[in-house]
Every structure is written in C-alpha cells, then in structure tokens.
N, C-alpha and C. Protein backbone atom coordinates (compact mmCIF):
# COMPACT_ATOMS: atom_id res chain seq x y z
N UNK A 1 -20.98 -13.35 -13.18
CA UNK A 1 -19.99 -12.44 -12.62
C UNK A 1 -19.23 -13.19 -11.54
N UNK A 2 -17.91 -13.06 -11.58
CA UNK A 2 -17.09 -13.74 -10.58
C UNK A 2 -16.85 -12.82 -9.39
N UNK A 3 -16.74 -13.43 -8.24
CA UNK A 3 -16.44 -12.66 -7.03
C UNK A 3 -14.93 -12.62 -6.87
N UNK A 4 -14.42 -11.46 -6.56
CA UNK A 4 -13.00 -11.31 -6.25
C UNK A 4 -12.80 -11.83 -4.82
N UNK A 5 -12.52 -13.12 -4.70
CA UNK A 5 -12.53 -13.81 -3.41
C UNK A 5 -11.60 -13.18 -2.38
N UNK A 6 -10.35 -12.91 -2.75
CA UNK A 6 -9.42 -12.34 -1.76
C UNK A 6 -9.88 -10.98 -1.28
N UNK A 7 -10.34 -10.15 -2.20
CA UNK A 7 -10.86 -8.83 -1.84
C UNK A 7 -12.02 -8.95 -0.86
N UNK A 8 -12.97 -9.81 -1.18
CA UNK A 8 -14.16 -9.98 -0.34
C UNK A 8 -13.77 -10.54 1.03
N UNK A 9 -12.80 -11.47 1.06
CA UNK A 9 -12.35 -12.02 2.34
C UNK A 9 -11.73 -10.93 3.22
N UNK A 10 -10.91 -10.07 2.62
CA UNK A 10 -10.28 -9.00 3.40
C UNK A 10 -11.34 -8.01 3.90
N UNK A 11 -12.25 -7.61 3.03
CA UNK A 11 -13.32 -6.70 3.46
C UNK A 11 -14.15 -7.36 4.56
N UNK A 12 -14.31 -8.69 4.45
CA UNK A 12 -15.06 -9.44 5.45
C UNK A 12 -14.44 -9.43 6.84
N UNK A 13 -13.16 -9.07 6.94
CA UNK A 13 -12.54 -8.91 8.26
C UNK A 13 -13.04 -7.64 8.94
N UNK A 14 -13.59 -6.71 8.16
CA UNK A 14 -14.06 -5.43 8.69
C UNK A 14 -15.57 -5.38 8.87
N UNK A 15 -16.31 -5.97 7.92
CA UNK A 15 -17.77 -5.85 7.95
C UNK A 15 -18.43 -7.16 7.52
N UNK A 16 -19.73 -7.27 7.85
CA UNK A 16 -20.54 -8.39 7.37
C UNK A 16 -21.17 -7.99 6.03
N UNK A 17 -21.24 -8.94 5.10
CA UNK A 17 -21.86 -8.69 3.80
C UNK A 17 -22.72 -9.89 3.43
N UNK A 18 -23.86 -9.63 2.83
CA UNK A 18 -24.63 -10.75 2.29
C UNK A 18 -24.11 -11.05 0.87
N UNK A 19 -24.63 -12.09 0.26
CA UNK A 19 -24.12 -12.51 -1.05
C UNK A 19 -24.32 -11.43 -2.12
N UNK A 20 -25.47 -10.75 -2.08
CA UNK A 20 -25.72 -9.68 -3.05
C UNK A 20 -24.71 -8.54 -2.89
N UNK A 21 -24.38 -8.20 -1.65
CA UNK A 21 -23.41 -7.14 -1.41
C UNK A 21 -22.01 -7.55 -1.88
N UNK A 22 -21.67 -8.82 -1.68
CA UNK A 22 -20.37 -9.31 -2.17
C UNK A 22 -20.29 -9.19 -3.68
N UNK A 23 -21.35 -9.58 -4.36
CA UNK A 23 -21.40 -9.46 -5.82
C UNK A 23 -21.32 -8.00 -6.25
N UNK A 24 -22.05 -7.14 -5.56
CA UNK A 24 -22.07 -5.72 -5.88
C UNK A 24 -20.68 -5.11 -5.72
N UNK A 25 -20.04 -5.37 -4.59
CA UNK A 25 -18.69 -4.84 -4.36
C UNK A 25 -17.74 -5.34 -5.43
N UNK A 26 -17.80 -6.63 -5.73
CA UNK A 26 -16.92 -7.20 -6.76
C UNK A 26 -17.11 -6.52 -8.11
N UNK A 27 -18.35 -6.15 -8.41
CA UNK A 27 -18.64 -5.52 -9.71
C UNK A 27 -18.03 -4.13 -9.83
N UNK A 28 -17.65 -3.53 -8.71
CA UNK A 28 -17.11 -2.16 -8.72
C UNK A 28 -15.59 -2.12 -8.89
N UNK A 29 -14.95 -3.28 -8.84
CA UNK A 29 -13.49 -3.36 -8.97
C UNK A 29 -13.12 -4.01 -10.30
N UNK A 30 -12.22 -3.38 -11.01
CA UNK A 30 -11.75 -3.87 -12.31
C UNK A 30 -10.30 -4.31 -12.17
N UNK A 31 -9.97 -5.47 -12.72
CA UNK A 31 -8.60 -5.98 -12.64
C UNK A 31 -7.71 -5.30 -13.67
N UNK A 32 -6.55 -4.82 -13.19
CA UNK A 32 -5.54 -4.22 -14.08
C UNK A 32 -4.22 -4.92 -13.86
N UNK A 33 -3.53 -5.19 -14.95
CA UNK A 33 -2.23 -5.87 -14.92
C UNK A 33 -1.12 -4.83 -15.09
N UNK A 34 -0.07 -4.97 -14.28
CA UNK A 34 1.09 -4.08 -14.36
C UNK A 34 2.35 -4.92 -14.51
N UNK A 35 3.25 -4.48 -15.36
CA UNK A 35 4.55 -5.13 -15.48
C UNK A 35 5.48 -4.60 -14.40
N UNK A 36 6.57 -5.29 -14.20
CA UNK A 36 7.59 -4.80 -13.27
C UNK A 36 8.01 -3.40 -13.71
N UNK A 37 8.11 -2.50 -12.76
CA UNK A 37 8.49 -1.09 -12.94
C UNK A 37 7.37 -0.21 -13.49
N UNK A 38 6.20 -0.76 -13.81
CA UNK A 38 5.06 0.07 -14.18
C UNK A 38 4.59 0.85 -12.95
N UNK A 39 3.82 1.90 -13.20
CA UNK A 39 3.31 2.75 -12.11
C UNK A 39 1.81 2.60 -11.96
N UNK A 40 1.37 2.43 -10.73
CA UNK A 40 -0.04 2.56 -10.39
C UNK A 40 -0.36 4.06 -10.32
N UNK A 41 0.63 4.84 -9.84
CA UNK A 41 0.48 6.29 -9.73
C UNK A 41 1.86 6.92 -9.81
N UNK A 42 1.99 8.00 -10.58
CA UNK A 42 3.24 8.75 -10.64
C UNK A 42 3.12 10.05 -9.85
N UNK A 43 4.22 10.42 -9.22
CA UNK A 43 4.30 11.70 -8.55
C UNK A 43 3.91 12.78 -9.57
N UNK A 44 3.05 13.72 -9.15
CA UNK A 44 2.60 14.78 -10.05
C UNK A 44 1.24 14.51 -10.68
N UNK A 45 0.73 13.27 -10.57
CA UNK A 45 -0.60 12.94 -11.07
C UNK A 45 -1.61 13.02 -9.92
N UNK A 46 -2.88 13.05 -10.26
CA UNK A 46 -3.94 12.94 -9.26
C UNK A 46 -4.34 11.47 -9.18
N UNK A 47 -4.43 10.95 -7.98
CA UNK A 47 -4.82 9.55 -7.77
C UNK A 47 -6.33 9.43 -7.98
N UNK A 48 -6.73 8.66 -8.97
CA UNK A 48 -8.14 8.54 -9.32
C UNK A 48 -8.74 7.19 -8.96
N UNK A 49 -7.89 6.26 -8.46
CA UNK A 49 -8.37 4.92 -8.11
C UNK A 49 -7.76 4.46 -6.80
N UNK A 50 -8.53 3.66 -6.08
CA UNK A 50 -8.00 2.90 -4.95
C UNK A 50 -7.85 1.48 -5.46
N UNK A 51 -6.89 0.76 -4.94
CA UNK A 51 -6.65 -0.59 -5.44
C UNK A 51 -6.51 -1.61 -4.33
N UNK A 52 -6.66 -2.84 -4.72
CA UNK A 52 -6.45 -3.99 -3.85
C UNK A 52 -5.46 -4.89 -4.57
N UNK A 53 -4.34 -5.17 -3.94
CA UNK A 53 -3.29 -5.96 -4.60
C UNK A 53 -3.66 -7.44 -4.56
N UNK A 54 -4.01 -7.94 -5.70
CA UNK A 54 -4.38 -9.35 -5.85
C UNK A 54 -3.12 -10.21 -5.91
N UNK A 55 -2.11 -9.71 -6.65
CA UNK A 55 -0.85 -10.43 -6.82
C UNK A 55 0.23 -9.41 -7.07
N UNK A 56 1.40 -9.61 -6.45
CA UNK A 56 2.53 -8.74 -6.74
C UNK A 56 2.98 -7.91 -5.57
N UNK A 57 3.80 -6.92 -5.89
CA UNK A 57 4.48 -6.13 -4.87
C UNK A 57 4.68 -4.71 -5.39
N UNK A 58 4.42 -3.73 -4.54
CA UNK A 58 4.58 -2.32 -4.91
C UNK A 58 5.44 -1.61 -3.87
N UNK A 59 5.94 -0.44 -4.27
CA UNK A 59 6.62 0.43 -3.31
C UNK A 59 6.07 1.83 -3.47
N UNK A 60 6.05 2.54 -2.36
CA UNK A 60 5.66 3.94 -2.32
C UNK A 60 6.93 4.74 -2.17
N UNK A 61 7.12 5.75 -3.01
CA UNK A 61 8.32 6.56 -2.87
C UNK A 61 8.08 7.97 -3.38
N UNK A 62 8.97 8.85 -2.98
CA UNK A 62 8.98 10.22 -3.52
C UNK A 62 10.41 10.56 -3.90
N UNK A 63 10.56 11.62 -4.65
CA UNK A 63 11.88 12.05 -5.10
C UNK A 63 12.18 13.41 -4.48
N UNK A 64 13.30 13.47 -3.77
CA UNK A 64 13.73 14.74 -3.17
C UNK A 64 14.21 15.68 -4.27
N UNK A 65 14.36 16.95 -3.92
CA UNK A 65 14.86 17.95 -4.87
C UNK A 65 16.22 17.54 -5.43
N UNK A 66 17.01 16.82 -4.64
CA UNK A 66 18.34 16.39 -5.07
C UNK A 66 18.27 15.25 -6.09
N UNK A 67 17.06 14.70 -6.30
CA UNK A 67 16.91 13.57 -7.22
C UNK A 67 16.94 12.22 -6.52
N UNK A 68 17.23 12.21 -5.22
CA UNK A 68 17.30 10.96 -4.47
C UNK A 68 15.88 10.43 -4.22
N UNK A 69 15.71 9.11 -4.42
CA UNK A 69 14.42 8.47 -4.16
C UNK A 69 14.35 8.07 -2.69
N UNK A 70 13.20 8.34 -2.08
CA UNK A 70 12.95 7.95 -0.70
C UNK A 70 11.79 6.96 -0.66
N UNK A 71 12.10 5.70 -0.43
CA UNK A 71 11.07 4.67 -0.32
C UNK A 71 10.51 4.72 1.09
N UNK A 72 9.19 4.87 1.21
CA UNK A 72 8.65 4.96 2.56
C UNK A 72 7.66 3.86 2.90
N UNK A 73 7.34 2.99 1.95
CA UNK A 73 6.50 1.85 2.31
C UNK A 73 6.43 0.86 1.15
N UNK A 74 5.86 -0.30 1.46
CA UNK A 74 5.66 -1.36 0.48
C UNK A 74 4.24 -1.88 0.62
N UNK A 75 3.74 -2.50 -0.43
CA UNK A 75 2.45 -3.16 -0.39
C UNK A 75 2.57 -4.50 -1.07
N UNK A 76 1.83 -5.48 -0.55
CA UNK A 76 1.90 -6.84 -1.09
C UNK A 76 0.49 -7.40 -1.23
N UNK A 77 0.42 -8.66 -1.59
CA UNK A 77 -0.87 -9.32 -1.79
C UNK A 77 -1.79 -9.08 -0.60
N UNK A 78 -3.05 -8.79 -0.91
CA UNK A 78 -4.13 -8.58 0.06
C UNK A 78 -4.03 -7.24 0.80
N UNK A 79 -3.20 -6.31 0.31
CA UNK A 79 -3.15 -4.96 0.84
C UNK A 79 -3.94 -4.03 -0.08
N UNK A 80 -4.52 -3.01 0.51
CA UNK A 80 -5.11 -1.94 -0.29
C UNK A 80 -4.00 -0.96 -0.65
N UNK A 81 -4.14 -0.30 -1.78
CA UNK A 81 -3.15 0.68 -2.20
C UNK A 81 -3.84 1.92 -2.76
N UNK A 82 -3.24 3.06 -2.47
CA UNK A 82 -3.79 4.33 -2.94
C UNK A 82 -2.92 5.43 -2.35
N UNK A 83 -2.91 6.58 -2.96
CA UNK A 83 -2.42 7.78 -2.28
C UNK A 83 -3.70 8.44 -1.80
N UNK A 84 -4.09 8.14 -0.57
CA UNK A 84 -5.40 8.56 -0.07
C UNK A 84 -5.54 10.07 -0.01
N UNK A 85 -4.47 10.77 0.27
CA UNK A 85 -4.51 12.23 0.31
C UNK A 85 -4.94 12.76 -1.06
N UNK A 86 -4.28 12.32 -2.11
CA UNK A 86 -4.60 12.76 -3.47
C UNK A 86 -5.99 12.25 -3.88
N UNK A 87 -6.29 11.02 -3.54
CA UNK A 87 -7.55 10.38 -3.91
C UNK A 87 -8.74 11.11 -3.30
N UNK A 88 -8.63 11.49 -2.03
CA UNK A 88 -9.76 12.08 -1.33
C UNK A 88 -9.99 13.55 -1.67
N UNK A 89 -8.91 14.33 -1.81
CA UNK A 89 -9.12 15.75 -2.10
C UNK A 89 -8.74 16.13 -3.54
N UNK A 90 -8.41 15.12 -4.34
CA UNK A 90 -8.10 15.31 -5.77
C UNK A 90 -6.91 16.24 -6.00
N UNK A 91 -5.98 16.23 -5.05
CA UNK A 91 -4.76 17.03 -5.17
C UNK A 91 -3.70 16.24 -5.94
N UNK A 92 -2.68 16.93 -6.37
CA UNK A 92 -1.58 16.30 -7.08
C UNK A 92 -0.78 15.46 -6.09
N UNK A 93 -0.45 14.26 -6.47
CA UNK A 93 0.30 13.34 -5.60
C UNK A 93 1.75 13.77 -5.47
N UNK A 94 2.25 13.73 -4.26
CA UNK A 94 3.67 14.04 -4.02
C UNK A 94 4.49 12.77 -3.94
N UNK A 95 3.88 11.63 -4.21
CA UNK A 95 4.61 10.37 -4.19
C UNK A 95 4.13 9.47 -5.33
N UNK A 96 4.96 8.47 -5.62
CA UNK A 96 4.65 7.50 -6.67
C UNK A 96 4.37 6.14 -6.04
N UNK A 97 3.59 5.35 -6.76
CA UNK A 97 3.35 3.96 -6.39
C UNK A 97 3.78 3.12 -7.59
N UNK A 98 4.87 2.37 -7.41
CA UNK A 98 5.49 1.63 -8.50
C UNK A 98 5.45 0.13 -8.21
N UNK A 99 5.19 -0.65 -9.24
CA UNK A 99 5.21 -2.11 -9.11
C UNK A 99 6.65 -2.59 -9.21
N UNK A 100 7.08 -3.38 -8.24
CA UNK A 100 8.45 -3.90 -8.30
C UNK A 100 8.46 -5.38 -8.67
N UNK A 101 7.29 -5.89 -8.99
CA UNK A 101 7.11 -7.22 -9.58
C UNK A 101 5.93 -7.10 -10.55
N UNK A 102 5.74 -8.07 -11.43
CA UNK A 102 4.48 -8.10 -12.17
C UNK A 102 3.34 -8.14 -11.15
N UNK A 103 2.36 -7.28 -11.32
CA UNK A 103 1.35 -7.07 -10.28
C UNK A 103 -0.04 -6.99 -10.88
N UNK A 104 -0.99 -7.59 -10.18
CA UNK A 104 -2.41 -7.45 -10.55
C UNK A 104 -3.09 -6.69 -9.43
N UNK A 105 -3.76 -5.60 -9.80
CA UNK A 105 -4.45 -4.76 -8.82
C UNK A 105 -5.91 -4.64 -9.24
N UNK A 106 -6.81 -4.88 -8.30
CA UNK A 106 -8.23 -4.66 -8.51
C UNK A 106 -8.49 -3.19 -8.19
N UNK A 107 -9.00 -2.44 -9.15
CA UNK A 107 -9.11 -0.98 -9.02
C UNK A 107 -10.56 -0.54 -8.96
N UNK A 108 -10.81 0.45 -8.09
CA UNK A 108 -12.13 1.06 -7.98
C UNK A 108 -11.97 2.58 -8.01
N UNK A 109 -12.83 3.23 -8.74
CA UNK A 109 -12.80 4.69 -8.82
C UNK A 109 -13.33 5.29 -7.52
N UNK A 110 -13.09 6.57 -7.36
CA UNK A 110 -13.62 7.31 -6.21
C UNK A 110 -15.15 7.15 -6.16
N UNK A 111 -15.79 7.30 -7.32
CA UNK A 111 -17.25 7.20 -7.39
C UNK A 111 -17.73 5.81 -6.97
N UNK A 112 -17.01 4.77 -7.39
CA UNK A 112 -17.40 3.42 -7.01
C UNK A 112 -17.23 3.16 -5.52
N UNK A 113 -16.20 3.74 -4.92
CA UNK A 113 -16.07 3.59 -3.46
C UNK A 113 -17.21 4.29 -2.75
N UNK A 114 -17.65 5.43 -3.28
CA UNK A 114 -18.79 6.11 -2.67
C UNK A 114 -20.04 5.24 -2.74
N UNK A 115 -20.17 4.44 -3.81
CA UNK A 115 -21.31 3.52 -3.92
C UNK A 115 -21.24 2.45 -2.84
N UNK A 116 -20.04 1.97 -2.54
CA UNK A 116 -19.90 0.98 -1.46
C UNK A 116 -20.38 1.60 -0.15
N UNK A 117 -19.94 2.84 0.11
CA UNK A 117 -20.32 3.49 1.37
C UNK A 117 -21.83 3.71 1.46
N UNK A 118 -22.47 4.02 0.34
CA UNK A 118 -23.89 4.36 0.39
C UNK A 118 -24.83 3.18 0.18
N UNK A 119 -24.39 2.15 -0.56
CA UNK A 119 -25.33 1.08 -0.93
C UNK A 119 -25.12 -0.23 -0.15
N UNK A 120 -23.95 -0.40 0.44
CA UNK A 120 -23.70 -1.61 1.24
C UNK A 120 -24.05 -1.27 2.69
N UNK A 121 -24.83 -2.16 3.32
CA UNK A 121 -25.34 -1.89 4.66
C UNK A 121 -24.26 -1.37 5.61
N UNK A 122 -23.11 -2.03 5.66
CA UNK A 122 -22.03 -1.61 6.56
C UNK A 122 -20.88 -0.93 5.79
N UNK A 123 -21.20 -0.38 4.64
CA UNK A 123 -20.19 0.26 3.79
C UNK A 123 -19.49 1.42 4.45
N UNK A 124 -20.26 2.29 5.12
CA UNK A 124 -19.64 3.42 5.80
C UNK A 124 -18.75 2.94 6.95
N UNK A 125 -19.17 1.89 7.62
CA UNK A 125 -18.35 1.32 8.69
C UNK A 125 -17.02 0.83 8.12
N UNK A 126 -17.06 0.18 6.97
CA UNK A 126 -15.84 -0.27 6.31
C UNK A 126 -14.91 0.91 6.04
N UNK A 127 -15.44 1.98 5.45
CA UNK A 127 -14.64 3.16 5.18
C UNK A 127 -14.02 3.74 6.44
N UNK A 128 -14.80 3.82 7.51
CA UNK A 128 -14.30 4.36 8.78
C UNK A 128 -13.19 3.49 9.35
N UNK A 129 -13.39 2.18 9.34
CA UNK A 129 -12.38 1.27 9.91
C UNK A 129 -11.09 1.30 9.12
N UNK A 130 -11.18 1.37 7.80
CA UNK A 130 -9.97 1.48 6.97
C UNK A 130 -9.24 2.79 7.29
N UNK A 131 -10.00 3.89 7.39
CA UNK A 131 -9.38 5.19 7.71
C UNK A 131 -8.70 5.14 9.08
N UNK A 132 -9.35 4.52 10.06
CA UNK A 132 -8.75 4.41 11.39
C UNK A 132 -7.45 3.62 11.33
N UNK A 133 -7.46 2.52 10.59
CA UNK A 133 -6.27 1.67 10.44
C UNK A 133 -5.14 2.46 9.78
N UNK A 134 -5.45 3.18 8.70
CA UNK A 134 -4.45 3.99 8.01
C UNK A 134 -3.89 5.09 8.91
N UNK A 135 -4.74 5.71 9.70
CA UNK A 135 -4.32 6.78 10.58
C UNK A 135 -3.33 6.27 11.63
N UNK A 136 -3.66 5.16 12.27
CA UNK A 136 -2.76 4.59 13.28
C UNK A 136 -1.44 4.19 12.64
N UNK A 137 -1.49 3.56 11.46
CA UNK A 137 -0.28 3.14 10.77
C UNK A 137 0.59 4.35 10.43
N UNK A 138 -0.03 5.43 9.93
CA UNK A 138 0.73 6.63 9.57
C UNK A 138 1.40 7.24 10.80
N UNK A 139 0.69 7.27 11.92
CA UNK A 139 1.28 7.80 13.16
C UNK A 139 2.48 6.97 13.61
N UNK A 140 2.34 5.66 13.55
CA UNK A 140 3.45 4.78 13.95
C UNK A 140 4.66 4.99 13.05
N UNK A 141 4.43 5.11 11.74
CA UNK A 141 5.54 5.32 10.81
C UNK A 141 6.22 6.66 11.06
N UNK A 142 5.44 7.70 11.27
CA UNK A 142 6.02 9.02 11.53
C UNK A 142 6.83 9.01 12.82
N UNK A 143 6.28 8.40 13.85
CA UNK A 143 6.98 8.32 15.13
C UNK A 143 8.28 7.54 14.97
N UNK A 144 8.23 6.44 14.25
CA UNK A 144 9.43 5.62 14.03
C UNK A 144 10.49 6.42 13.28
N UNK A 145 10.07 7.17 12.27
CA UNK A 145 11.02 7.94 11.47
C UNK A 145 11.77 8.96 12.34
N UNK A 146 11.06 9.59 13.26
CA UNK A 146 11.68 10.64 14.08
C UNK A 146 12.36 10.12 15.34
N UNK A 147 11.92 8.97 15.85
CA UNK A 147 12.44 8.52 17.14
C UNK A 147 13.34 7.29 17.07
N UNK A 148 13.16 6.45 16.08
CA UNK A 148 13.91 5.20 16.02
C UNK A 148 15.21 5.36 15.25
N UNK A 149 16.19 4.60 15.67
CA UNK A 149 17.46 4.52 14.94
C UNK A 149 17.26 3.61 13.73
N UNK A 150 18.14 3.70 12.72
CA UNK A 150 17.99 2.85 11.53
C UNK A 150 17.89 1.36 11.87
N UNK A 151 18.64 0.90 12.87
CA UNK A 151 18.56 -0.52 13.24
C UNK A 151 17.16 -0.89 13.71
N UNK A 152 16.51 -0.02 14.46
CA UNK A 152 15.14 -0.28 14.91
C UNK A 152 14.18 -0.27 13.72
N UNK A 153 14.39 0.67 12.79
CA UNK A 153 13.52 0.72 11.61
C UNK A 153 13.68 -0.55 10.77
N UNK A 154 14.92 -1.07 10.70
CA UNK A 154 15.13 -2.32 9.97
C UNK A 154 14.41 -3.47 10.68
N UNK A 155 14.46 -3.50 12.00
CA UNK A 155 13.73 -4.54 12.75
C UNK A 155 12.23 -4.43 12.51
N UNK A 156 11.71 -3.19 12.44
CA UNK A 156 10.29 -3.00 12.12
C UNK A 156 9.99 -3.56 10.73
N UNK A 157 10.90 -3.31 9.78
CA UNK A 157 10.71 -3.84 8.42
C UNK A 157 10.62 -5.36 8.46
N UNK A 158 11.55 -6.01 9.16
CA UNK A 158 11.56 -7.47 9.25
C UNK A 158 10.27 -7.99 9.89
N UNK A 159 9.83 -7.30 10.95
CA UNK A 159 8.61 -7.74 11.63
C UNK A 159 7.35 -7.51 10.79
N UNK A 160 7.31 -6.38 10.08
CA UNK A 160 6.12 -6.07 9.28
C UNK A 160 6.09 -6.80 7.94
N UNK A 161 7.26 -7.13 7.40
CA UNK A 161 7.36 -7.76 6.08
C UNK A 161 8.29 -8.97 6.12
N UNK A 162 8.03 -9.95 6.98
CA UNK A 162 8.98 -11.06 7.11
C UNK A 162 9.17 -11.87 5.83
N UNK A 163 8.18 -11.86 4.97
CA UNK A 163 8.23 -12.65 3.74
C UNK A 163 8.74 -11.87 2.53
N UNK A 164 9.13 -10.62 2.72
CA UNK A 164 9.48 -9.79 1.56
C UNK A 164 10.97 -9.55 1.37
N UNK A 165 11.80 -9.94 2.32
CA UNK A 165 13.23 -9.62 2.20
C UNK A 165 13.84 -10.13 0.91
N UNK A 166 13.40 -11.27 0.43
CA UNK A 166 13.97 -11.83 -0.79
C UNK A 166 13.32 -11.26 -2.05
N UNK A 167 12.19 -10.59 -1.89
CA UNK A 167 11.47 -10.06 -3.05
C UNK A 167 11.80 -8.60 -3.33
N UNK A 168 12.36 -7.90 -2.36
CA UNK A 168 12.60 -6.47 -2.50
C UNK A 168 14.09 -6.21 -2.69
N UNK A 169 14.48 -5.45 -3.71
CA UNK A 169 15.90 -5.11 -3.88
C UNK A 169 16.44 -4.39 -2.64
N UNK A 170 17.69 -4.70 -2.30
CA UNK A 170 18.30 -4.17 -1.08
C UNK A 170 18.34 -2.65 -1.05
N UNK A 171 18.53 -2.00 -2.20
CA UNK A 171 18.59 -0.55 -2.19
C UNK A 171 17.24 0.07 -1.84
N UNK A 172 16.12 -0.62 -2.12
CA UNK A 172 14.81 -0.12 -1.68
C UNK A 172 14.67 -0.29 -0.17
N UNK A 173 15.16 -1.41 0.34
CA UNK A 173 15.11 -1.62 1.79
C UNK A 173 15.98 -0.58 2.49
N UNK A 174 17.16 -0.31 1.95
CA UNK A 174 18.04 0.72 2.52
C UNK A 174 17.33 2.07 2.57
N UNK A 175 16.70 2.43 1.47
CA UNK A 175 15.99 3.70 1.40
C UNK A 175 14.85 3.74 2.42
N UNK A 176 14.14 2.64 2.57
CA UNK A 176 13.04 2.54 3.53
C UNK A 176 13.54 2.72 4.96
N UNK A 177 14.69 2.11 5.26
CA UNK A 177 15.28 2.20 6.60
C UNK A 177 15.90 3.58 6.83
N UNK A 178 16.31 4.25 5.75
CA UNK A 178 16.89 5.58 5.85
C UNK A 178 18.40 5.58 5.90
N UNK A 179 19.02 4.57 5.27
CA UNK A 179 20.49 4.47 5.25
C UNK A 179 20.94 4.14 3.83
N UNK A 180 22.24 4.25 3.60
CA UNK A 180 22.83 3.82 2.33
C UNK A 180 23.04 2.30 2.40
N UNK A 181 23.10 1.61 1.25
CA UNK A 181 23.26 0.14 1.25
C UNK A 181 24.42 -0.39 2.10
N UNK A 182 25.61 0.23 2.11
CA UNK A 182 26.68 -0.30 2.97
C UNK A 182 26.30 -0.29 4.46
N UNK A 183 25.55 0.74 4.88
CA UNK A 183 25.12 0.81 6.27
C UNK A 183 24.11 -0.29 6.59
N UNK A 184 23.24 -0.60 5.62
CA UNK A 184 22.29 -1.69 5.84
C UNK A 184 23.02 -3.01 6.01
N UNK A 185 24.08 -3.23 5.23
CA UNK A 185 24.89 -4.45 5.38
C UNK A 185 25.47 -4.55 6.79
N UNK A 186 25.95 -3.43 7.32
CA UNK A 186 26.50 -3.42 8.68
C UNK A 186 25.42 -3.72 9.71
N UNK A 187 24.25 -3.15 9.53
CA UNK A 187 23.14 -3.42 10.45
C UNK A 187 22.79 -4.90 10.45
N UNK A 188 22.72 -5.48 9.27
CA UNK A 188 22.39 -6.91 9.16
C UNK A 188 23.45 -7.77 9.85
N UNK A 189 24.71 -7.41 9.66
CA UNK A 189 25.77 -8.19 10.31
C UNK A 189 25.68 -8.10 11.82
N UNK A 190 25.44 -6.90 12.35
CA UNK A 190 25.30 -6.74 13.80
C UNK A 190 24.14 -7.57 14.34
N UNK A 191 23.03 -7.56 13.62
CA UNK A 191 21.84 -8.30 14.09
C UNK A 191 22.05 -9.81 13.98
N UNK A 192 22.90 -10.25 13.06
CA UNK A 192 23.14 -11.69 12.87
C UNK A 192 24.05 -12.26 13.97
N UNK A 193 24.76 -11.39 14.67
CA UNK A 193 25.70 -11.87 15.70
C UNK A 193 24.98 -12.43 16.90
C-alpha cells in the first residue's frame, strides 16, 4: 500500500502520527480523477466525501436566482475540499465545487473520517484543528465581504493566491472579488500605478 505523501505531510502539520497511523489514514482515501469543468459536488446534491487536492484547481460557487454565478473561493494543491455544512448534517448543498483544471482529489467518506477521529491517537485533535481553521477563515471571508471594498478583496485574493492569477480565468476572479470584469481591469490598472 502506498502512502499519500502530500496528504500525510499536511495532516502532519496538525498532529503526530506513527507509521501505522499514516498507512491507516492513507488507506481511507481513494484517488479520483476529474477533467476540467467536472464537478466534485453540484449544487442540490448532498456532499458525501471530503477531499484533499493532490493536483489541480477548483472553485466554489453558487447560482443566484437570476442565474448569475457567484464564485466565493478557490482550492489548490494540498488544500482540503468539501462542503462541510452538507457533509456534516447531510443537507442539500447550496453551492457547487467545480474543477477548473484537470484535478486529482483524494476522497474519504464521512464514515472513513469518523474512523480517523476514533482510531488515530490524535485523530479528534486533527478534526478539531481543521474545524477551528475553517471557522476563522469563514469569519474573515464574511467580514471582508461586508466591510472591504472590491479593491481590498482583490488584494486579499493576490495575497492568499499569489500563484493562481495565471491559472484562474479572469471572470472567476471578478466574481470572487464581487465586480464585473471591466471593473476588475480598472482595479488592476490602479494598483499597477
């Protein structure tokens, strides 16, 4: 059995694991391949897996009643991905997770994550630390959405994703910032001065 090295390294930033635990955790994740524009999760489905992005790039978005897509986040290599709200309470997802490049995701079911929490010595600690990290991130994003101007949100994007500007289509970045593409061009020009 091979160890999913990147996954284990990232988990290792949160908890200590012995070799048996590393093997056990690796055995609970299955590799899935996605083509560009494939979905890890569609709006209206229940999220049944949590994933770890081994390779590729994803976006999180929802569709307003008007049909407009609202991109609210991105995920890249070595990030975890999931609609945790849907995953944890088995509710219908109000957002989609779409691959914007060919992507490989290591996937674990809800039941397999529960095995990590119960059978790995520091498994519950890992779950708690991930939840704390997600909570703080969600608060920062919500605060930014309500308090920051589009230019500040674009600066946050650059700071949080410095390596992704060339990989993400501009209209997704515009949607993420909360402006139309012509406005994003103006913001970029102002910042370049």
